[in-house]
N, C-alpha and C. Protein backbone atom coordinates (compact mmCIF):
# COMPACT_ATOMS: atom_id res chain seq x y z
N MET A 1 164.96 45.47 196.15
CA MET A 1 165.51 45.22 194.84
C MET A 1 164.32 44.26 194.02
N ASN A 2 163.99 44.62 192.85
CA ASN A 2 163.24 43.75 192.04
C ASN A 2 164.05 42.73 191.75
N THR A 3 163.47 41.18 191.61
CA THR A 3 164.29 40.40 191.13
C THR A 3 163.52 39.51 190.27
N LEU A 4 164.10 38.88 189.43
CA LEU A 4 163.32 38.21 188.58
C LEU A 4 163.35 36.77 188.76
N GLN A 5 162.40 35.88 188.20
CA GLN A 5 162.47 34.61 188.15
C GLN A 5 163.15 33.90 186.78
N ILE A 6 163.82 33.36 186.60
CA ILE A 6 164.36 33.42 185.29
C ILE A 6 164.34 31.95 184.60
N GLU A 7 164.05 31.45 183.87
CA GLU A 7 164.10 29.82 183.09
C GLU A 7 164.51 29.77 181.76
N THR A 8 164.88 28.89 181.28
CA THR A 8 164.62 28.37 179.77
C THR A 8 163.26 28.25 179.58
N LEU A 9 163.07 28.72 178.54
CA LEU A 9 161.27 28.80 178.23
C LEU A 9 160.88 27.44 177.45
N ASP A 10 160.40 27.00 178.01
CA ASP A 10 159.44 25.58 177.33
C ASP A 10 159.05 25.82 175.74
N PRO A 11 159.28 25.14 174.85
CA PRO A 11 158.65 25.52 173.52
C PRO A 11 157.33 25.48 173.28
N ILE A 12 156.54 25.29 174.44
CA ILE A 12 155.20 25.31 174.16
C ILE A 12 154.66 26.44 174.15
N LYS A 13 155.64 27.39 175.28
CA LYS A 13 155.06 28.52 175.65
C LYS A 13 155.37 29.95 174.63
N LEU A 14 156.04 29.34 173.47
CA LEU A 14 156.79 30.25 172.39
C LEU A 14 155.32 31.21 171.95
N PRO A 15 153.99 30.97 172.03
CA PRO A 15 153.04 31.70 171.81
C PRO A 15 153.49 33.01 172.34
N LEU A 16 153.44 32.84 173.84
CA LEU A 16 153.41 33.87 174.83
C LEU A 16 154.83 34.83 174.37
N VAL A 17 155.70 34.33 173.86
CA VAL A 17 156.85 35.10 173.67
C VAL A 17 156.32 35.96 172.09
N ALA A 18 155.70 35.25 171.32
CA ALA A 18 155.23 36.26 170.15
C ALA A 18 154.45 37.36 170.50
N ARG A 19 153.66 37.05 171.46
CA ARG A 19 152.80 38.16 171.87
C ARG A 19 153.32 39.18 172.37
N LEU A 20 154.48 38.94 173.18
CA LEU A 20 155.62 39.92 173.92
C LEU A 20 156.05 40.87 172.72
N TYR A 21 156.72 39.83 171.65
CA TYR A 21 157.25 40.71 170.56
C TYR A 21 155.98 41.55 170.10
N LYS A 22 155.08 41.14 169.74
CA LYS A 22 154.24 41.85 168.62
C LYS A 22 153.63 43.18 169.47
N ALA A 23 153.59 42.90 170.39
CA ALA A 23 153.04 44.12 171.67
C ALA A 23 154.14 45.08 171.64
N HIS A 24 155.68 44.71 171.94
CA HIS A 24 156.64 45.68 172.22
C HIS A 24 157.80 45.78 170.81
N TYR A 25 157.87 44.95 170.43
CA TYR A 25 158.82 44.82 169.10
C TYR A 25 158.38 43.96 167.70
N PRO A 26 157.73 44.57 167.18
CA PRO A 26 156.92 43.92 166.19
C PRO A 26 157.94 43.21 165.10
N ALA A 27 159.29 43.70 164.87
CA ALA A 27 160.21 43.10 164.16
C ALA A 27 160.84 41.98 164.55
N GLY A 28 160.37 41.76 166.01
CA GLY A 28 161.24 40.28 166.52
C GLY A 28 160.36 39.25 166.38
N LYS A 29 161.16 38.14 166.08
CA LYS A 29 160.39 36.92 165.90
C LYS A 29 161.03 35.93 166.54
N ALA A 30 160.43 35.20 167.54
CA ALA A 30 161.03 34.06 168.47
C ALA A 30 160.50 32.90 167.36
N LYS A 31 161.62 31.85 167.37
CA LYS A 31 161.74 30.51 166.80
C LYS A 31 161.76 29.86 167.62
N LYS A 32 161.10 28.56 167.33
CA LYS A 32 161.21 26.95 168.18
C LYS A 32 162.57 26.61 168.10
N ASP A 33 163.62 26.87 166.95
CA ASP A 33 164.77 26.09 167.05
C ASP A 33 166.10 26.99 168.09
N GLU A 34 165.40 28.16 168.52
CA GLU A 34 166.38 29.32 169.36
C GLU A 34 166.22 28.56 170.63
N LEU A 35 167.42 28.92 171.48
CA LEU A 35 167.22 29.04 173.23
C LEU A 35 166.81 30.29 173.40
N THR A 36 165.48 29.99 174.06
CA THR A 36 164.91 31.36 174.76
C THR A 36 164.81 31.34 176.04
N ILE A 37 165.61 32.40 176.81
CA ILE A 37 165.72 32.30 178.35
C ILE A 37 164.72 33.49 178.46
N VAL A 38 164.05 33.53 179.48
CA VAL A 38 162.97 34.34 179.85
C VAL A 38 162.93 34.70 181.43
N GLY A 39 162.60 36.11 181.66
CA GLY A 39 162.59 36.60 183.09
C GLY A 39 161.32 37.14 183.42
N TYR A 40 160.61 36.30 184.61
CA TYR A 40 159.30 36.74 185.00
C TYR A 40 159.46 37.67 186.27
N HIS A 41 158.36 38.88 186.34
CA HIS A 41 158.50 39.41 187.66
C HIS A 41 156.84 39.40 187.75
N GLN A 42 156.87 38.71 189.07
CA GLN A 42 155.34 38.94 189.38
C GLN A 42 154.63 38.04 188.56
N SER A 43 155.14 37.06 188.31
CA SER A 43 154.58 35.98 187.20
C SER A 43 154.16 36.43 185.82
N GLN A 44 154.60 37.48 185.58
CA GLN A 44 154.45 38.09 184.32
C GLN A 44 155.85 38.41 183.79
N MET A 45 155.71 37.49 182.29
CA MET A 45 157.09 37.76 181.36
C MET A 45 157.53 39.06 180.94
N VAL A 46 158.28 39.77 181.50
CA VAL A 46 159.06 40.95 181.25
C VAL A 46 160.33 41.13 180.12
N ALA A 47 160.89 39.93 180.37
CA ALA A 47 162.13 39.97 179.75
C ALA A 47 162.48 38.74 179.10
N LEU A 48 163.55 38.75 178.06
CA LEU A 48 164.01 37.35 177.03
C LEU A 48 165.12 37.87 176.37
N VAL A 49 165.79 36.76 176.21
CA VAL A 49 166.97 36.76 175.62
C VAL A 49 167.27 35.53 174.71
N ARG A 50 167.31 35.74 173.61
CA ARG A 50 167.23 34.23 172.77
C ARG A 50 168.89 33.97 171.75
N LEU A 51 169.30 32.74 171.51
CA LEU A 51 170.21 32.70 171.33
C LEU A 51 169.97 31.47 170.23
N ARG A 52 170.71 31.84 168.86
CA ARG A 52 170.56 30.75 167.79
C ARG A 52 171.74 30.53 167.22
N ASN A 53 171.82 29.09 166.86
CA ASN A 53 172.76 28.25 166.59
C ASN A 53 173.09 28.43 165.23
N VAL A 54 174.55 28.95 164.46
CA VAL A 54 174.31 29.06 163.58
C VAL A 54 175.81 28.33 162.93
N GLU A 55 175.53 27.43 162.52
CA GLU A 55 176.40 26.18 162.20
C GLU A 55 177.28 25.49 163.73
N GLN A 56 178.30 25.80 163.83
CA GLN A 56 179.21 25.47 164.80
C GLN A 56 178.95 26.79 166.29
N TYR A 57 178.65 28.09 165.87
CA TYR A 57 178.49 29.16 166.61
C TYR A 57 177.12 29.33 167.20
N ARG A 58 177.23 30.40 168.23
CA ARG A 58 176.00 30.60 168.41
C ARG A 58 175.81 32.21 168.45
N LEU A 59 174.57 32.83 168.46
CA LEU A 59 174.54 34.43 168.24
C LEU A 59 173.36 34.56 168.96
N LEU A 60 173.51 35.67 170.00
CA LEU A 60 172.74 36.16 170.68
C LEU A 60 171.70 36.98 169.53
N THR A 61 170.49 36.62 169.28
CA THR A 61 169.53 37.34 168.58
C THR A 61 168.72 38.36 168.89
N GLY A 62 168.47 38.47 169.98
CA GLY A 62 167.52 38.95 170.73
C GLY A 62 167.31 39.25 171.90
N MET A 63 167.24 40.73 172.46
CA MET A 63 167.23 40.56 173.98
C MET A 63 165.97 41.90 173.72
N LEU A 64 165.01 41.65 174.84
CA LEU A 64 163.91 42.57 174.79
C LEU A 64 163.49 42.24 176.84
N VAL A 65 163.46 43.89 176.70
CA VAL A 65 162.99 44.31 178.39
C VAL A 65 161.44 44.88 177.92
N VAL A 66 160.43 44.56 178.54
CA VAL A 66 159.28 45.35 178.20
C VAL A 66 159.44 46.78 178.63
N PRO A 67 159.04 47.76 178.06
CA PRO A 67 159.64 48.93 178.28
C PRO A 67 159.04 49.87 179.45
N ASP A 68 157.97 49.06 179.98
CA ASP A 68 157.79 49.85 181.48
C ASP A 68 158.88 48.87 182.76
N TYR A 69 159.22 48.04 182.12
CA TYR A 69 160.10 47.12 183.28
C TYR A 69 161.74 47.33 182.96
N ARG A 70 161.87 48.43 182.11
CA ARG A 70 163.38 49.09 182.02
C ARG A 70 163.71 49.97 182.84
N GLN A 71 165.03 49.85 183.25
CA GLN A 71 165.88 50.83 184.56
C GLN A 71 165.51 50.27 185.59
N HIS A 72 164.84 48.86 185.59
CA HIS A 72 164.64 48.31 187.06
C HIS A 72 166.01 46.87 187.35
N GLY A 73 166.73 47.07 186.37
CA GLY A 73 168.11 46.29 186.32
C GLY A 73 167.67 44.73 185.84
N PHE A 74 166.57 44.58 185.43
CA PHE A 74 166.11 43.19 184.89
C PHE A 74 166.85 42.81 183.74
N GLY A 75 167.26 43.65 182.70
CA GLY A 75 168.56 43.29 181.93
C GLY A 75 169.76 42.83 182.22
N HIS A 76 170.28 43.13 183.28
CA HIS A 76 171.50 42.94 183.96
C HIS A 76 171.26 41.56 184.70
N GLN A 77 170.21 41.42 185.20
CA GLN A 77 170.01 40.06 185.78
C GLN A 77 169.90 39.11 185.07
N LEU A 78 169.35 39.40 183.87
CA LEU A 78 168.92 38.09 182.86
C LEU A 78 170.32 37.84 182.34
N MET A 79 171.21 39.14 181.95
CA MET A 79 172.52 38.71 181.54
C MET A 79 173.46 38.07 182.44
N ALA A 80 173.23 38.25 183.51
CA ALA A 80 174.09 37.63 184.72
C ALA A 80 173.47 36.47 184.91
N PHE A 81 172.37 35.76 184.92
CA PHE A 81 172.23 34.41 184.56
C PHE A 81 172.74 33.81 183.31
N CYS A 82 172.55 34.44 182.46
CA CYS A 82 173.17 33.90 180.98
C CYS A 82 174.75 33.66 181.28
N GLN A 83 175.45 34.69 181.95
CA GLN A 83 176.76 34.54 182.16
C GLN A 83 177.36 33.21 182.84
N GLN A 84 176.39 33.08 184.13
CA GLN A 84 176.33 31.97 184.70
C GLN A 84 176.12 30.42 184.19
N GLN A 85 174.83 30.35 183.29
CA GLN A 85 174.30 29.28 182.92
C GLN A 85 174.48 28.80 181.38
N VAL A 86 174.57 30.17 180.70
CA VAL A 86 174.16 29.87 179.08
C VAL A 86 175.46 30.30 178.33
N LEU A 87 175.99 31.16 178.37
CA LEU A 87 176.71 31.69 177.63
C LEU A 87 178.02 30.98 177.67
N LYS A 88 178.74 30.88 176.34
CA LYS A 88 179.98 30.14 176.28
C LYS A 88 180.92 30.79 175.49
N VAL A 89 182.41 30.62 175.66
CA VAL A 89 183.56 31.76 175.27
C VAL A 89 183.18 31.22 173.73
N GLY A 90 183.34 32.51 172.72
CA GLY A 90 182.94 32.05 171.66
C GLY A 90 181.61 32.44 171.10
N ASP A 91 180.79 32.55 171.95
CA ASP A 91 179.50 33.12 171.61
C ASP A 91 179.48 34.74 170.93
N TYR A 92 178.49 35.12 170.22
CA TYR A 92 178.52 36.03 169.65
C TYR A 92 177.12 36.89 169.74
N CYS A 93 177.36 38.23 169.48
CA CYS A 93 176.07 39.12 169.41
C CYS A 93 176.15 40.46 168.44
N PHE A 94 175.24 40.83 167.61
CA PHE A 94 175.29 41.96 167.12
C PHE A 94 174.67 42.80 167.84
N ALA A 95 175.14 43.63 168.67
CA ALA A 95 174.82 44.70 169.62
C ALA A 95 174.47 45.88 168.98
N TYR A 96 173.08 46.78 169.41
CA TYR A 96 173.30 48.15 168.84
C TYR A 96 174.29 49.00 169.55
N GLN A 97 174.80 50.00 168.71
CA GLN A 97 175.81 50.69 169.32
C GLN A 97 175.58 51.29 170.37
N HIS A 98 174.09 51.81 171.02
CA HIS A 98 174.20 52.34 172.25
C HIS A 98 174.31 51.36 173.24
N LEU A 99 174.07 49.97 173.23
CA LEU A 99 174.27 48.93 174.07
C LEU A 99 175.42 48.10 174.14
N GLU A 100 176.39 48.73 173.44
CA GLU A 100 177.75 48.07 173.23
C GLU A 100 177.96 48.00 175.04
N GLY A 101 178.05 49.03 175.83
CA GLY A 101 178.76 48.97 177.03
C GLY A 101 177.90 48.15 177.97
N PHE A 102 176.74 48.32 177.76
CA PHE A 102 176.09 47.14 178.39
C PHE A 102 176.47 45.51 178.14
N TYR A 103 176.40 45.05 176.84
CA TYR A 103 177.20 44.02 176.65
C TYR A 103 178.29 43.86 177.29
N ALA A 104 179.33 44.90 177.15
CA ALA A 104 180.75 44.52 177.62
C ALA A 104 180.57 44.33 179.09
N GLN A 105 179.67 44.87 179.72
CA GLN A 105 179.85 44.67 181.05
C GLN A 105 179.31 43.02 181.56
N HIS A 106 178.86 42.33 180.20
CA HIS A 106 178.47 40.77 180.81
C HIS A 106 179.11 39.99 179.86
N GLY A 107 180.47 40.18 179.23
CA GLY A 107 181.44 39.61 179.10
C GLY A 107 181.63 39.50 177.51
N PHE A 108 181.00 40.67 177.11
CA PHE A 108 181.24 40.53 175.39
C PHE A 108 182.25 41.44 175.25
N GLN A 109 183.07 41.56 174.11
CA GLN A 109 184.02 42.19 173.66
C GLN A 109 184.04 42.74 172.26
N THR A 110 183.87 43.97 171.95
CA THR A 110 183.83 44.41 170.54
C THR A 110 184.87 43.91 169.54
N THR A 111 184.55 43.30 168.65
CA THR A 111 185.43 43.12 167.61
C THR A 111 185.01 43.17 166.21
N ASP A 112 186.08 43.74 165.44
CA ASP A 112 185.84 43.99 163.99
C ASP A 112 185.16 42.72 163.11
N TRP A 113 184.16 43.52 162.44
CA TRP A 113 182.84 42.45 161.79
C TRP A 113 183.48 41.53 160.78
N MET A 114 184.83 41.87 160.32
CA MET A 114 185.61 41.33 159.16
C MET A 114 186.59 40.30 159.92
N ALA A 115 186.43 40.40 161.14
CA ALA A 115 186.95 38.90 162.16
C ALA A 115 185.99 38.12 162.27
N LEU A 116 184.72 38.18 162.14
CA LEU A 116 183.79 37.42 162.20
C LEU A 116 184.07 35.85 162.03
N PRO A 117 183.66 34.99 161.99
CA PRO A 117 183.83 33.81 161.55
C PRO A 117 182.64 33.84 160.04
N ASN A 118 183.36 33.04 158.94
CA ASN A 118 182.78 33.43 157.60
C ASN A 118 181.24 33.40 157.78
N ASN A 119 180.66 32.22 158.29
CA ASN A 119 179.13 31.93 158.21
C ASN A 119 178.38 33.02 159.10
N LEU A 120 179.20 33.95 159.84
CA LEU A 120 178.56 35.05 160.69
C LEU A 120 178.24 36.15 160.11
N LYS A 121 179.20 36.73 159.25
CA LYS A 121 179.63 37.60 158.16
C LYS A 121 178.43 38.28 157.59
N PRO A 122 177.68 37.26 156.73
CA PRO A 122 176.74 37.66 155.62
C PRO A 122 175.53 38.15 156.67
N LEU A 123 175.40 37.61 158.00
CA LEU A 123 174.53 37.96 158.81
C LEU A 123 174.58 39.14 159.29
N PHE A 124 176.01 39.84 159.71
CA PHE A 124 176.23 40.95 160.15
C PHE A 124 175.79 42.00 159.16
N GLU A 125 176.46 41.79 157.91
CA GLU A 125 176.37 42.71 156.76
C GLU A 125 174.69 42.94 156.81
N ARG A 126 174.18 41.83 156.44
CA ARG A 126 172.57 42.21 156.21
C ARG A 126 171.89 42.75 157.34
N TYR A 127 172.15 42.63 158.80
CA TYR A 127 171.49 43.11 159.66
C TYR A 127 171.85 44.58 159.86
N SER A 128 172.88 44.92 159.50
CA SER A 128 173.76 46.32 159.77
C SER A 128 173.24 47.15 158.48
N ARG A 129 172.71 46.93 157.61
CA ARG A 129 172.14 47.50 156.41
C ARG A 129 171.03 48.49 157.01
N THR A 130 170.44 48.40 158.08
CA THR A 130 169.22 49.05 158.42
C THR A 130 169.38 49.62 159.81
N LYS A 131 170.60 48.83 160.65
CA LYS A 131 170.82 49.32 161.87
C LYS A 131 172.28 49.58 162.11
N SER A 132 172.44 50.40 163.18
CA SER A 132 173.85 50.54 163.78
C SER A 132 174.31 49.67 164.83
N LEU A 133 174.90 48.74 164.62
CA LEU A 133 175.25 47.57 165.11
C LEU A 133 176.83 47.27 164.95
N VAL A 134 177.29 46.73 166.17
CA VAL A 134 178.59 46.52 166.64
C VAL A 134 178.89 45.17 166.78
N ALA A 135 179.63 44.33 166.30
CA ALA A 135 180.07 42.56 166.40
C ALA A 135 180.73 42.68 168.02
N MET A 136 180.12 41.78 168.80
CA MET A 136 180.97 41.18 169.90
C MET A 136 180.93 39.73 169.98
N GLN A 137 182.10 39.59 170.69
CA GLN A 137 182.26 37.95 171.16
C GLN A 137 182.46 38.00 172.43
N TYR A 138 181.53 36.87 172.93
CA TYR A 138 181.69 36.56 174.57
C TYR A 138 183.04 35.89 174.87
N ILE A 139 183.65 36.57 175.54
CA ILE A 139 184.92 36.29 176.25
C ILE A 139 185.36 35.72 177.47
N GLU A 140 183.78 35.96 178.22
CA GLU A 140 183.57 35.65 179.70
C GLU A 140 184.61 36.52 180.90
N MET A 141 184.24 36.50 181.89
CA MET A 141 185.03 37.55 182.83
C MET A 141 184.89 36.92 183.89
C-alpha cells in the first residue's frame, strides 16, 4: 500500500502549496492564517487539506489530491489523520455533492445549510452560487 507522510505545514512552506494549487486547482488559495495539513509521497507533496477559523468554528475549506495520485487511498489517509489529530466535533465542511459519501466516511454528517451557525450561512450561500455543495458537520466516529 502507498502511504503518506503527513504533517502540519510550516507556514514558511506556503509557497509550495500555492504552486500546487496553481498547477492543479487555480481557484484554490492557501492562506497563512489557515491550518494546512499536507501529505507527502516519496518526498513529494501530493495531498493537502486546509481548515479555516470562522469566529469560534472551523471550516474545512479545501482538500486537494494531485490528479496523478488519486485512487491510491491518499485522500482517505489524509482524512484518517485529520480524524485522529485535527478534527473536532462541530467542525464543518462544504463538500461537493459527489464527495458527500467520502466525507461521511470520515465523520462528517450532512446537515441542512439553514441549520449552520449564522456566521457560516453567508459563506455557504456565496460558495454554493457557483458549485453544488452540501453542508456537513463533523460528529466524530
